[in-house]
Protein backbone atom coordinates (compact mmCIF):
# COMPACT_ATOMS: atom_id res chain seq x y z
CA MET A 1 0.21 -0.13 0.24
CA SER A 2 0.87 3.76 -0.73
CA LYS A 3 2.51 6.01 2.22
CA GLU A 4 2.30 8.07 0.04
CA LEU A 5 -1.57 10.67 0.66
CA GLN A 6 -4.13 10.44 -2.53
CA ILE A 7 -6.57 12.79 -3.54
CA SER A 8 -9.10 12.20 -5.34
CA ASP A 9 -12.00 14.71 -6.83
CA LEU A 10 -15.09 12.33 -7.49
CA SER A 11 -16.59 16.23 -7.72
CA ILE A 12 -15.42 19.60 -8.80
CA GLY A 13 -16.83 22.37 -6.59
CA ASP A 14 -17.55 25.66 -8.27
CA GLY A 15 -17.70 27.43 -4.73
CA LYS A 16 -15.27 29.32 -3.56
CA ALA A 17 -11.76 27.47 -2.35
CA VAL A 18 -9.87 26.44 0.75
CA VAL A 19 -6.48 28.12 1.51
CA LYS A 20 -4.31 27.90 5.00
CA GLY A 21 -5.49 29.47 7.78
CA ALA A 22 -9.45 28.85 6.31
CA LEU A 23 -12.64 27.59 8.58
CA ILE A 24 -14.26 24.90 6.93
CA THR A 25 -17.74 23.27 6.85
CA THR A 26 -17.54 19.14 6.27
CA GLN A 27 -19.41 16.97 6.00
CA TYR A 28 -17.32 13.62 5.90
CA ARG A 29 -17.46 9.34 6.14
CA GLY A 30 -14.03 8.05 8.07
CA THR A 31 -13.68 3.93 6.89
CA LEU A 32 -10.66 2.02 7.15
CA ALA A 33 -8.63 -0.22 5.03
CA ASP A 34 -12.00 -3.06 5.42
CA GLY A 35 -14.07 -0.66 5.13
CA THR A 36 -14.85 0.30 8.48
CA VAL A 37 -16.92 3.31 8.98
CA PHE A 38 -14.90 4.39 12.02
CA ASP A 39 -16.08 7.94 12.68
CA SER A 40 -19.09 9.74 10.31
CA SER A 41 -20.32 13.86 10.97
CA TYR A 42 -23.31 11.58 8.37
CA GLU A 43 -24.12 9.84 11.47
CA ARG A 44 -24.35 12.25 14.62
CA GLY A 45 -26.58 14.21 11.74
CA LYS A 46 -24.07 17.57 12.04
CA PRO A 47 -21.45 18.85 9.96
CA PHE A 48 -17.99 18.85 10.91
CA GLN A 49 -16.08 22.52 11.56
CA CYS A 50 -11.88 22.73 11.48
CA VAL A 51 -9.42 25.24 10.67
CA ILE A 52 -7.37 24.05 7.50
CA GLY A 53 -3.36 24.44 8.06
CA SER A 54 -3.16 24.88 11.94
CA GLY A 55 -2.25 20.91 13.46
CA ARG A 56 -6.03 20.78 14.73
CA VAL A 57 -7.02 18.46 12.59
CA ILE A 58 -4.85 15.11 10.90
CA LYS A 59 -1.60 16.45 8.67
CA GLY A 60 -3.82 13.81 6.12
CA TRP A 61 -6.29 16.80 5.69
CA ASP A 62 -4.91 19.94 6.35
CA LEU A 63 -3.11 18.78 3.23
CA GLY A 64 -5.56 17.16 1.44
CA LEU A 65 -7.90 20.27 1.41
CA ILE A 66 -5.90 22.52 0.16
CA GLY A 67 -7.51 23.47 -2.95
CA MET A 68 -10.28 22.72 -2.99
CA LYS A 69 -13.57 23.94 -3.48
CA VAL A 70 -17.47 24.56 -1.97
CA GLY A 71 -19.22 22.22 -3.54
CA GLY A 72 -17.49 19.25 -4.07
CA LYS A 73 -16.68 16.26 -2.66
CA ARG A 74 -13.76 14.81 -2.31
CA SER A 75 -11.49 11.19 -1.40
CA LEU A 76 -8.93 11.10 0.58
CA PHE A 77 -6.37 8.25 1.04
CA VAL A 78 -4.70 9.21 4.87
CA PRO A 79 -1.90 7.14 4.88
CA SER A 80 -0.80 6.15 9.04
CA HIS A 81 2.10 8.95 9.91
CA LEU A 82 -0.33 11.11 7.92
CA ALA A 83 -3.67 10.33 10.31
CA TYR A 84 -3.01 9.20 14.12
CA GLY A 85 0.80 7.44 13.35
CA GLU A 86 1.15 5.42 16.82
CA ARG A 87 -1.02 6.46 18.56
CA GLN A 88 -4.76 3.59 18.95
CA ILE A 89 -8.00 6.19 18.65
CA GLY A 90 -10.71 5.25 20.48
CA ALA A 91 -12.30 2.03 20.05
CA HIS A 92 -12.05 1.66 15.94
CA ILE A 93 -8.39 2.52 15.32
CA ALA A 94 -5.11 1.23 15.44
CA PRO A 95 -1.91 1.91 15.23
CA HIS A 96 -0.29 2.51 12.00
CA SER A 97 -2.98 2.42 10.53
CA ASP A 98 -4.32 4.10 7.21
CA LEU A 99 -8.07 6.28 6.48
CA TYR A 100 -10.29 7.05 3.61
CA PHE A 101 -12.15 9.51 3.99
CA GLU A 102 -14.69 10.89 0.80
CA ILE A 103 -15.45 14.80 2.03
CA GLU A 104 -17.75 16.54 0.82
CA LEU A 105 -17.16 20.60 1.90
CA LEU A 106 -20.25 22.24 1.92
CA GLU A 107 -18.64 26.21 3.95
CA VAL A 108 -14.84 28.15 3.32
CA LEU A 109 -15.01 31.00 5.63
CA THR A 110 -11.43 33.22 5.43
CA ARG A 111 -9.95 36.38 7.41
CA ASP A 112 -11.28 38.38 4.26
CA ASP A 113 -15.35 37.65 4.77
C-alpha cells in the first residue's frame, strides 16, 4: 500500500477554495482499510467544522483539502503517518492505521469574509 497521501476529486465544486487558515464546514465519512466506518458526521447529523493548516486536524486533512472548492466532494487516502501514526484512537483506529475519507465541502470562511 502506498504511503503517500492520495487525493481524488469525486466532483469539483464551483465555490470558494480552501486555503491555509480557512474555517471549513464539511460532511464526511471515515473508514478503515476493511471498510469499517470509524467516524461519520452524517451519522451524527451535524456538519464538522475545523480550521485547515493549523494542526487541529490530522495532517492528511491539512494537506489534502487545500484547493478543494465549496460544493465539491473529495476522497482522501491518508497513510498512517499523516493520520494518527502510532496512537490508538478510540475502539476502532489501531496504531499505524491508514484511513480513508469521503469529504463534502459545504462552506469556506476566511479572514476576508
